[in-house]
PDB file of N, CA and C in Angstrom:
ATOM      1  N   UNK A   1     195.511 122.070  88.807  1.00  0.00           N
ATOM      2  CA  UNK A   1     193.770 121.812  88.280  1.00  0.00           C
ATOM      3  C   UNK A   1     194.017 120.363  87.926  1.00  0.00           C
ATOM      4  N   UNK A   2     192.918 119.310  88.303  1.00  0.00           N
ATOM      5  CA  UNK A   2     192.779 117.778  87.414  1.00  0.00           C
ATOM      6  C   UNK A   2     192.049 118.294  85.614  1.00  0.00           C
ATOM      7  N   UNK A   3     191.866 117.398  85.353  1.00  0.00           N
ATOM      8  CA  UNK A   3     191.455 117.775  84.094  1.00  0.00           C
ATOM      9  C   UNK A   3     189.988 117.328  83.844  1.00  0.00           C
ATOM     10  N   UNK A   4     189.539 117.056  84.893  1.00  0.00           N
ATOM     11  CA  UNK A   4     188.050 117.095  85.498  1.00  0.00           C
ATOM     12  C   UNK A   4     187.865 117.922  86.203  1.00  0.00           C
ATOM     13  N   UNK A   5     188.806 118.835  86.841  1.00  0.00           N
ATOM     14  CA  UNK A   5     188.120 120.744  86.622  1.00  0.00           C
ATOM     15  C   UNK A   5     187.830 120.992  85.716  1.00  0.00           C
ATOM     16  N   UNK A   6     188.800 121.263  85.298  1.00  0.00           N
ATOM     17  CA  UNK A   6     188.955 121.786  83.744  1.00  0.00           C
ATOM     18  C   UNK A   6     187.677 121.696  82.893  1.00  0.00           C
ATOM     19  N   UNK A   7     187.425 120.680  82.603  1.00  0.00           N
ATOM     20  CA  UNK A   7     186.008 119.872  81.863  1.00  0.00           C
ATOM     21  C   UNK A   7     184.668 120.996  82.491  1.00  0.00           C
ATOM     22  N   UNK A   8     184.755 120.646  84.071  1.00  0.00           N
ATOM     23  CA  UNK A   8     183.861 121.472  84.546  1.00  0.00           C
ATOM     24  C   UNK A   8     183.430 123.192  84.608  1.00  0.00           C
ATOM     25  N   UNK A   9     184.932 123.210  84.477  1.00  0.00           N
ATOM     26  CA  UNK A   9     184.658 124.924  84.494  1.00  0.00           C
ATOM     27  C   UNK A   9     184.467 125.593  82.735  1.00  0.00           C
ATOM     28  N   UNK A  10     185.176 124.812  81.996  1.00  0.00           N
ATOM     29  CA  UNK A  10     184.740 124.615  80.400  1.00  0.00           C
ATOM     30  C   UNK A  10     183.059 124.687  80.608  1.00  0.00           C
ATOM     31  N   UNK A  11     182.455 123.857  80.545  1.00  0.00           N
ATOM     32  CA  UNK A  11     181.114 123.730  80.473  1.00  0.00           C
ATOM     33  C   UNK A  11     180.532 124.793  81.162  1.00  0.00           C
ATOM     34  N   UNK A  12     181.029 125.035  82.218  1.00  0.00           N
ATOM     35  CA  UNK A  12     180.384 126.367  83.147  1.00  0.00           C
ATOM     36  C   UNK A  12     180.810 127.887  82.051  1.00  0.00           C
ATOM     37  N   UNK A  13     182.002 127.942  81.712  1.00  0.00           N
ATOM     38  CA  UNK A  13     182.035 129.142  81.086  1.00  0.00           C
ATOM     39  C   UNK A  13     181.093 128.762  79.926  1.00  0.00           C
ATOM     40  N   UNK A  14     181.028 127.872  79.240  1.00  0.00           N
ATOM     41  CA  UNK A  14     180.213 127.934  77.903  1.00  0.00           C
ATOM     42  C   UNK A  14     178.518 128.519  78.311  1.00  0.00           C
ATOM     43  N   UNK A  15     177.986 127.451  79.250  1.00  0.00           N
ATOM     44  CA  UNK A  15     176.944 128.550  80.049  1.00  0.00           C
ATOM     45  C   UNK A  15     177.033 129.801  79.572  1.00  0.00           C
ATOM     46  N   UNK A  16     178.311 130.438  80.491  1.00  0.00           N
ATOM     47  CA  UNK A  16     177.879 131.431  80.366  1.00  0.00           C
ATOM     48  C   UNK A  16     177.770 132.433  79.864  1.00  0.00           C
ATOM     49  N   UNK A  17     178.622 132.123  78.375  1.00  0.00           N
ATOM     50  CA  UNK A  17     179.016 132.609  77.059  1.00  0.00           C
ATOM     51  C   UNK A  17     177.540 132.871  76.142  1.00  0.00           C
ATOM     52  N   UNK A  18     176.686 131.322  76.739  1.00  0.00           N
ATOM     53  CA  UNK A  18     175.461 131.045  75.916  1.00  0.00           C
ATOM     54  C   UNK A  18     174.096 131.898  76.805  1.00  0.00           C
ATOM     55  N   UNK A  19     173.922 132.692  77.738  1.00  0.00           N
ATOM     56  CA  UNK A  19     173.346 132.886  78.626  1.00  0.00           C
ATOM     57  C   UNK A  19     172.607 134.381  78.110  1.00  0.00           C
ATOM     58  N   UNK A  20     171.437 134.242  77.447  1.00  0.00           N
ATOM     59  CA  UNK A  20     170.937 135.179  76.879  1.00  0.00           C
ATOM     60  C   UNK A  20     171.132 136.553  77.368  1.00  0.00           C
ATOM     61  N   UNK A  21     170.346 136.181  78.923  1.00  0.00           N
ATOM     62  CA  UNK A  21     170.380 137.303  79.416  1.00  0.00           C
ATOM     63  C   UNK A  21     171.413 137.990  79.749  1.00  0.00           C
ATOM     64  N   UNK A  22     172.900 137.588  80.106  1.00  0.00           N
ATOM     65  CA  UNK A  22     174.305 138.126  79.714  1.00  0.00           C
ATOM     66  C   UNK A  22     174.744 138.394  78.537  1.00  0.00           C
ATOM     67  N   UNK A  23     174.586 137.639  77.642  1.00  0.00           N
ATOM     68  CA  UNK A  23     174.695 138.527  76.547  1.00  0.00           C
ATOM     69  C   UNK A  23     173.768 139.464  76.208  1.00  0.00           C
ATOM     70  N   UNK A  24     172.499 139.765  76.597  1.00  0.00           N
ATOM     71  CA  UNK A  24     171.635 141.467  76.617  1.00  0.00           C
ATOM     72  C   UNK A  24     172.627 142.575  77.244  1.00  0.00           C
ATOM     73  N   UNK A  25     173.247 141.898  78.361  1.00  0.00           N
ATOM     74  CA  UNK A  25     173.724 143.177  79.295  1.00  0.00           C
ATOM     75  C   UNK A  25     174.838 143.215  78.452  1.00  0.00           C
ATOM     76  N   UNK A  26     175.332 142.459  77.806  1.00  0.00           N
ATOM     77  CA  UNK A  26     176.743 143.076  77.468  1.00  0.00           C
ATOM     78  C   UNK A  26     176.878 143.666  76.366  1.00  0.00           C
ATOM     79  N   UNK A  27     175.414 143.681  75.422  1.00  0.00           N
ATOM     80  CA  UNK A  27     175.495 143.861  74.442  1.00  0.00           C
ATOM     81  C   UNK A  27     175.125 145.732  74.475  1.00  0.00           C
ATOM     82  N   UNK A  28     174.329 145.798  75.100  1.00  0.00           N
ATOM     83  CA  UNK A  28     173.707 147.217  75.906  1.00  0.00           C
ATOM     84  C   UNK A  28     175.510 147.811  76.692  1.00  0.00           C
ATOM     85  N   UNK A  29     175.970 146.968  77.156  1.00  0.00           N
ATOM     86  CA  UNK A  29     176.870 147.694  77.735  1.00  0.00           C
ATOM     87  C   UNK A  29     177.795 148.502  76.311  1.00  0.00           C
ATOM     88  N   UNK A  30     178.211 147.583  75.467  1.00  0.00           N
ATOM     89  CA  UNK A  30     179.145 147.816  74.688  1.00  0.00           C
ATOM     90  C   UNK A  30     178.635 148.779  73.464  1.00  0.00           C
ATOM     91  N   UNK A  31     177.312 148.394  73.269  1.00  0.00           N
ATOM     92  CA  UNK A  31     176.578 150.015  72.553  1.00  0.00           C
ATOM     93  C   UNK A  31     176.295 150.761  73.279  1.00  0.00           C
ATOM     94  N   UNK A  32     176.351 151.090  74.482  1.00  0.00           N
ATOM     95  CA  UNK A  32     176.395 152.109  75.938  1.00  0.00           C
ATOM     96  C   UNK A  32     177.946 152.754  75.031  1.00  0.00           C
ATOM     97  N   UNK A  33     178.718 152.208  75.139  1.00  0.00           N
ATOM     98  CA  UNK A  33     180.097 152.162  75.520  1.00  0.00           C
ATOM     99  C   UNK A  33     180.601 153.075  74.028  1.00  0.00           C
ATOM    100  N   UNK A  34     179.992 152.202  72.671  1.00  0.00           N
ATOM    101  CA  UNK A  34     180.413 152.805  71.710  1.00  0.00           C
ATOM    102  C   UNK A  34     179.969 153.984  71.390  1.00  0.00           C
ATOM    103  N   UNK A  35     178.564 154.159  71.563  1.00  0.00           N
ATOM    104  CA  UNK A  35     177.985 155.392  71.584  1.00  0.00           C
ATOM    105  C   UNK A  35     178.525 156.266  72.269  1.00  0.00           C
ATOM    106  N   UNK A  36     178.933 156.298  73.176  1.00  0.00           N
ATOM    107  CA  UNK A  36     179.777 157.604  74.394  1.00  0.00           C
ATOM    108  C   UNK A  36     181.000 157.574  73.542  1.00  0.00           C
ATOM    109  N   UNK A  37     181.917 156.699  72.934  1.00  0.00           N
ATOM    110  CA  UNK A  37     182.831 156.694  71.976  1.00  0.00           C
ATOM    111  C   UNK A  37     182.778 157.866  71.235  1.00  0.00           C
ATOM    112  N   UNK A  38     181.347 157.284  70.014  1.00  0.00           N
ATOM    113  CA  UNK A  38     181.710 158.508  68.836  1.00  0.00           C
ATOM    114  C   UNK A  38     181.113 159.311  69.079  1.00  0.00           C
ATOM    115  N   UNK A  39     180.604 159.611  70.100  1.00  0.00           N
ATOM    116  CA  UNK A  39     179.441 161.042  70.065  1.00  0.00           C
ATOM    117  C   UNK A  39     180.442 162.151  70.894  1.00  0.00           C
ATOM    118  N   UNK A  40     181.807 161.605  71.365  1.00  0.00           N
ATOM    119  CA  UNK A  40     182.425 162.307  72.195  1.00  0.00           C
ATOM    120  C   UNK A  40     183.033 163.546  71.800  1.00  0.00           C
ATOM    121  N   UNK A  41     183.085 165.087  72.147  1.00  0.00           N
ATOM    122  CA  UNK A  41     183.651 166.133  71.429  1.00  0.00           C
ATOM    123  C   UNK A  41     185.282 165.736  71.475  1.00  0.00           C
ATOM    124  N   UNK A  42     186.278 166.228  70.745  1.00  0.00           N
ATOM    125  CA  UNK A  42     187.604 166.156  70.222  1.00  0.00           C
ATOM    126  C   UNK A  42     188.101 166.499  71.968  1.00  0.00           C
ATOM    127  N   UNK A  43     187.284 167.388  72.519  1.00  0.00           N
ATOM    128  CA  UNK A  43     188.338 167.862  73.968  1.00  0.00           C
ATOM    129  C   UNK A  43     187.606 166.826  75.012  1.00  0.00           C
ATOM    130  N   UNK A  44     186.963 165.770  75.163  1.00  0.00           N
ATOM    131  CA  UNK A  44     186.548 164.987  75.853  1.00  0.00           C
ATOM    132  C   UNK A  44     187.161 163.847  75.571  1.00  0.00           C
ATOM    133  N   UNK A  45     188.948 163.846  75.077  1.00  0.00           N
ATOM    134  CA  UNK A  45     189.570 162.567  76.048  1.00  0.00           C
ATOM    135  C   UNK A  45     189.561 161.525  76.844  1.00  0.00           C
ATOM    136  N   UNK A  46     189.205 161.906  78.001  1.00  0.00           N
ATOM    137  CA  UNK A  46     189.080 161.772  79.491  1.00  0.00           C
ATOM    138  C   UNK A  46     187.689 160.382  78.989  1.00  0.00           C
ATOM    139  N   UNK A  47     186.887 161.268  78.122  1.00  0.00           N
ATOM    140  CA  UNK A  47     185.502 160.708  78.225  1.00  0.00           C
ATOM    141  C   UNK A  47     185.553 159.374  77.306  1.00  0.00           C
ATOM    142  N   UNK A  48     186.310 159.571  75.962  1.00  0.00           N
ATOM    143  CA  UNK A  48     186.764 158.709  75.131  1.00  0.00           C
ATOM    144  C   UNK A  48     187.495 157.393  75.360  1.00  0.00           C
ATOM    145  N   UNK A  49     188.898 157.866  76.577  1.00  0.00           N
ATOM    146  CA  UNK A  49     189.684 156.477  76.806  1.00  0.00           C
ATOM    147  C   UNK A  49     188.855 156.170  77.936  1.00  0.00           C
ATOM    148  N   UNK A  50     187.813 156.503  78.801  1.00  0.00           N
ATOM    149  CA  UNK A  50     187.278 155.300  79.837  1.00  0.00           C
ATOM    150  C   UNK A  50     186.683 154.798  78.519  1.00  0.00           C
ATOM    151  N   UNK A  51     185.815 154.957  77.535  1.00  0.00           N
ATOM    152  CA  UNK A  51     184.574 154.156  76.807  1.00  0.00           C
ATOM    153  C   UNK A  51     185.975 153.035  76.663  1.00  0.00           C
ATOM    154  N   UNK A  52     186.938 153.345  75.915  1.00  0.00           N
ATOM    155  CA  UNK A  52     187.934 152.309  75.057  1.00  0.00           C
ATOM    156  C   UNK A  52     188.082 151.223  76.249  1.00  0.00           C
ATOM    157  N   UNK A  53     188.205 152.134  77.705  1.00  0.00           N
ATOM    158  CA  UNK A  53     189.161 151.039  78.724  1.00  0.00           C
ATOM    159  C   UNK A  53     187.817 150.072  78.815  1.00  0.00           C
ATOM    160  N   UNK A  54     186.669 150.486  79.228  1.00  0.00           N
ATOM    161  CA  UNK A  54     185.251 149.587  79.614  1.00  0.00           C
ATOM    162  C   UNK A  54     185.225 148.440  78.350  1.00  0.00           C
ATOM    163  N   UNK A  55     185.083 149.134  76.870  1.00  0.00           N
ATOM    164  CA  UNK A  55     185.477 147.771  75.939  1.00  0.00           C
ATOM    165  C   UNK A  55     186.810 146.989  75.974  1.00  0.00           C
ATOM    166  N   UNK A  56     187.631 147.473  76.506  1.00  0.00           N
ATOM    167  CA  UNK A  56     188.609 146.641  76.272  1.00  0.00           C
ATOM    168  C   UNK A  56     188.454 145.311  77.770  1.00  0.00           C
ATOM    169  N   UNK A  57     187.737 145.932  78.531  1.00  0.00           N
ATOM    170  CA  UNK A  57     187.284 144.824  79.513  1.00  0.00           C
ATOM    171  C   UNK A  57     186.391 143.915  79.784  1.00  0.00           C
ATOM    172  N   UNK A  58     185.394 144.397  79.066  1.00  0.00           N
ATOM    173  CA  UNK A  58     184.219 143.645  78.315  1.00  0.00           C
ATOM    174  C   UNK A  58     184.664 142.702  77.248  1.00  0.00           C
ATOM    175  N   UNK A  59     185.536 142.870  76.352  1.00  0.00           N
ATOM    176  CA  UNK A  59     186.356 141.939  75.923  1.00  0.00           C
ATOM    177  C   UNK A  59     187.406 140.933  76.297  1.00  0.00           C
ATOM    178  N   UNK A  60     187.321 141.303  77.496  1.00  0.00           N
ATOM    179  CA  UNK A  60     188.741 140.635  77.788  1.00  0.00           C
ATOM    180  C   UNK A  60     188.145 139.469  78.726  1.00  0.00           C
ATOM    181  N   UNK A  61     186.902 140.042  79.179  1.00  0.00           N
ATOM    182  CA  UNK A  61     186.264 138.773  80.239  1.00  0.00           C
ATOM    183  C   UNK A  61     185.801 138.196  78.676  1.00  0.00           C
ATOM    184  N   UNK A  62     185.034 138.294  78.095  1.00  0.00           N
ATOM    185  CA  UNK A  62     184.438 137.526  76.688  1.00  0.00           C
ATOM    186  C   UNK A  62     185.718 136.764  76.149  1.00  0.00           C
ATOM    187  N   UNK A  63     187.417 137.201  75.897  1.00  0.00           N
ATOM    188  CA  UNK A  63     188.048 136.199  75.568  1.00  0.00           C
ATOM    189  C   UNK A  63     188.720 135.406  76.815  1.00  0.00           C
ATOM    190  N   UNK A  64     188.530 135.860  77.771  1.00  0.00           N
ATOM    191  CA  UNK A  64     188.646 134.438  79.235  1.00  0.00           C
ATOM    192  C   UNK A  64     188.065 133.692  79.408  1.00  0.00           C
ATOM    193  N   UNK A  65     187.016 133.400  79.414  1.00  0.00           N
ATOM    194  CA  UNK A  65     185.844 132.729  79.280  1.00  0.00           C
ATOM    195  C   UNK A  65     185.599 131.855  77.921  1.00  0.00           C
ATOM    196  N   UNK A  66     186.345 132.236  77.234  1.00  0.00           N
ATOM    197  CA  UNK A  66     186.828 131.186  75.457  1.00  0.00           C
ATOM    198  C   UNK A  66     187.908 130.761  75.893  1.00  0.00           C
ATOM    199  N   UNK A  67     188.782 131.611  76.492  1.00  0.00           N
ATOM    200  CA  UNK A  67     190.153 130.461  76.880  1.00  0.00           C
ATOM    201  C   UNK A  67     189.620 128.948  77.955  1.00  0.00           C
ATOM    202  N   UNK A  68     188.875 129.624  78.788  1.00  0.00           N
ATOM    203  CA  UNK A  68     188.456 128.829  79.679  1.00  0.00           C
ATOM    204  C   UNK A  68     187.563 127.295  78.794  1.00  0.00           C
ATOM    205  N   UNK A  69     186.660 128.134  78.222  1.00  0.00           N
ATOM    206  CA  UNK A  69     186.414 126.670  77.390  1.00  0.00           C
ATOM    207  C   UNK A  69     187.179 125.680  76.551  1.00  0.00           C
ATOM    208  N   UNK A  70     187.784 126.575  76.148  1.00  0.00           N
ATOM    209  CA  UNK A  70     188.921 125.863  75.009  1.00  0.00           C
ATOM    210  C   UNK A  70     189.277 124.697  75.855  1.00  0.00           C
ATOM    211  N   UNK A  71     190.053 125.113  77.034  1.00  0.00           N
ATOM    212  CA  UNK A  71     191.125 124.510  77.904  1.00  0.00           C
ATOM    213  C   UNK A  71     190.050 123.077  78.441  1.00  0.00           C
ATOM    214  N   UNK A  72     188.798 123.597  78.450  1.00  0.00           N
ATOM    215  CA  UNK A  72     188.113 122.081  79.180  1.00  0.00           C
ATOM    216  C   UNK A  72     187.600 121.616  78.138  1.00  0.00           C
ATOM    217  N   UNK A  73     187.664 121.705  76.532  1.00  0.00           N
ATOM    218  CA  UNK A  73     187.701 121.088  75.326  1.00  0.00           C
ATOM    219  C   UNK A  73     188.485 120.074  75.487  1.00  0.00           C
ATOM    220  N   UNK A  74     190.136 120.704  76.000  1.00  0.00           N
ATOM    221  CA  UNK A  74     191.105 120.276  75.709  1.00  0.00           C
ATOM    222  C   UNK A  74     191.352 119.190  76.497  1.00  0.00           C
ATOM    223  N   UNK A  75     191.000 119.626  77.738  1.00  0.00           N
ATOM    224  CA  UNK A  75     191.218 118.205  78.908  1.00  0.00           C
ATOM    225  C   UNK A  75     190.034 117.165  79.079  1.00  0.00           C
ATOM    226  N   UNK A  76     188.956 117.578  78.186  1.00  0.00           N
ATOM    227  CA  UNK A  76     188.484 116.478  78.377  1.00  0.00           C
ATOM    228  C   UNK A  76     188.885 114.931  76.776  1.00  0.00           C
ATOM    229  N   UNK A  77     189.372 115.801  75.835  1.00  0.00           N
ATOM    230  CA  UNK A  77     190.294 115.406  74.626  1.00  0.00           C
ATOM    231  C   UNK A  77     191.427 114.619  75.568  1.00  0.00           C
ATOM    232  N   UNK A  78     191.886 115.047  76.865  1.00  0.00           N
ATOM    233  CA  UNK A  78     192.670 114.429  76.947  1.00  0.00           C
ATOM    234  C   UNK A  78     192.557 113.159  77.505  1.00  0.00           C
ATOM    235  N   UNK A  79     190.921 113.325  78.522  1.00  0.00           N
ATOM    236  CA  UNK A  79     190.638 112.759  79.421  1.00  0.00           C
ATOM    237  C   UNK A  79     190.179 111.272  78.199  1.00  0.00           C
ATOM    238  N   UNK A  80     189.398 111.449  77.450  1.00  0.00           N
ATOM    239  CA  UNK A  80     189.463 110.608  76.394  1.00  0.00           C
ATOM    240  C   UNK A  80     189.750 109.760  75.520  1.00  0.00           C
ATOM    241  N   UNK A  81     190.971 110.460  75.505  1.00  0.00           N
ATOM    242  CA  UNK A  81     192.428 109.545  74.861  1.00  0.00           C
ATOM    243  C   UNK A  81     192.935 108.583  76.507  1.00  0.00           C
ATOM    244  N   UNK A  82     193.065 108.979  77.310  1.00  0.00           N
ATOM    245  CA  UNK A  82     193.811 108.613  78.452  1.00  0.00           C
ATOM    246  C   UNK A  82     192.630 107.133  78.359  1.00  0.00           C
ATOM    247  N   UNK A  83     190.914 107.317  78.505  1.00  0.00           N
ATOM    248  CA  UNK A  83     190.454 105.906  78.486  1.00  0.00           C
ATOM    249  C   UNK A  83     189.957 105.145  77.989  1.00  0.00           C
ATOM    250  N   UNK A  84     191.017 105.255  76.461  1.00  0.00           N
ATOM    251  CA  UNK A  84     191.276 104.465  75.563  1.00  0.00           C
ATOM    252  C   UNK A  84     192.493 103.844  75.700  1.00  0.00           C
ATOM    253  N   UNK A  85     193.135 104.055  75.997  1.00  0.00           N
ATOM    254  CA  UNK A  85     194.306 103.510  76.531  1.00  0.00           C
ATOM    255  C   UNK A  85     194.580 102.323  77.311  1.00  0.00           C
TER     256      UNK A  85
END
């Protein structure tokens, strides 16, 4: 993948991370899963494990988007350096 491609993906990831609708949906999902986790009874371990997996998946998605955005910034810096030389 070229630096230009990484920059484009980085910009798109930033837009996604800043999208109000997506952030509201993610916050709702996280809140729902936290409620399920906290309100589960001791014998409902499967329910807690499912909620925990959902929370981890949500966080994993967020972290992957942040990595893509950061890689785009690094690629942009590399482009800027090469243009100066």
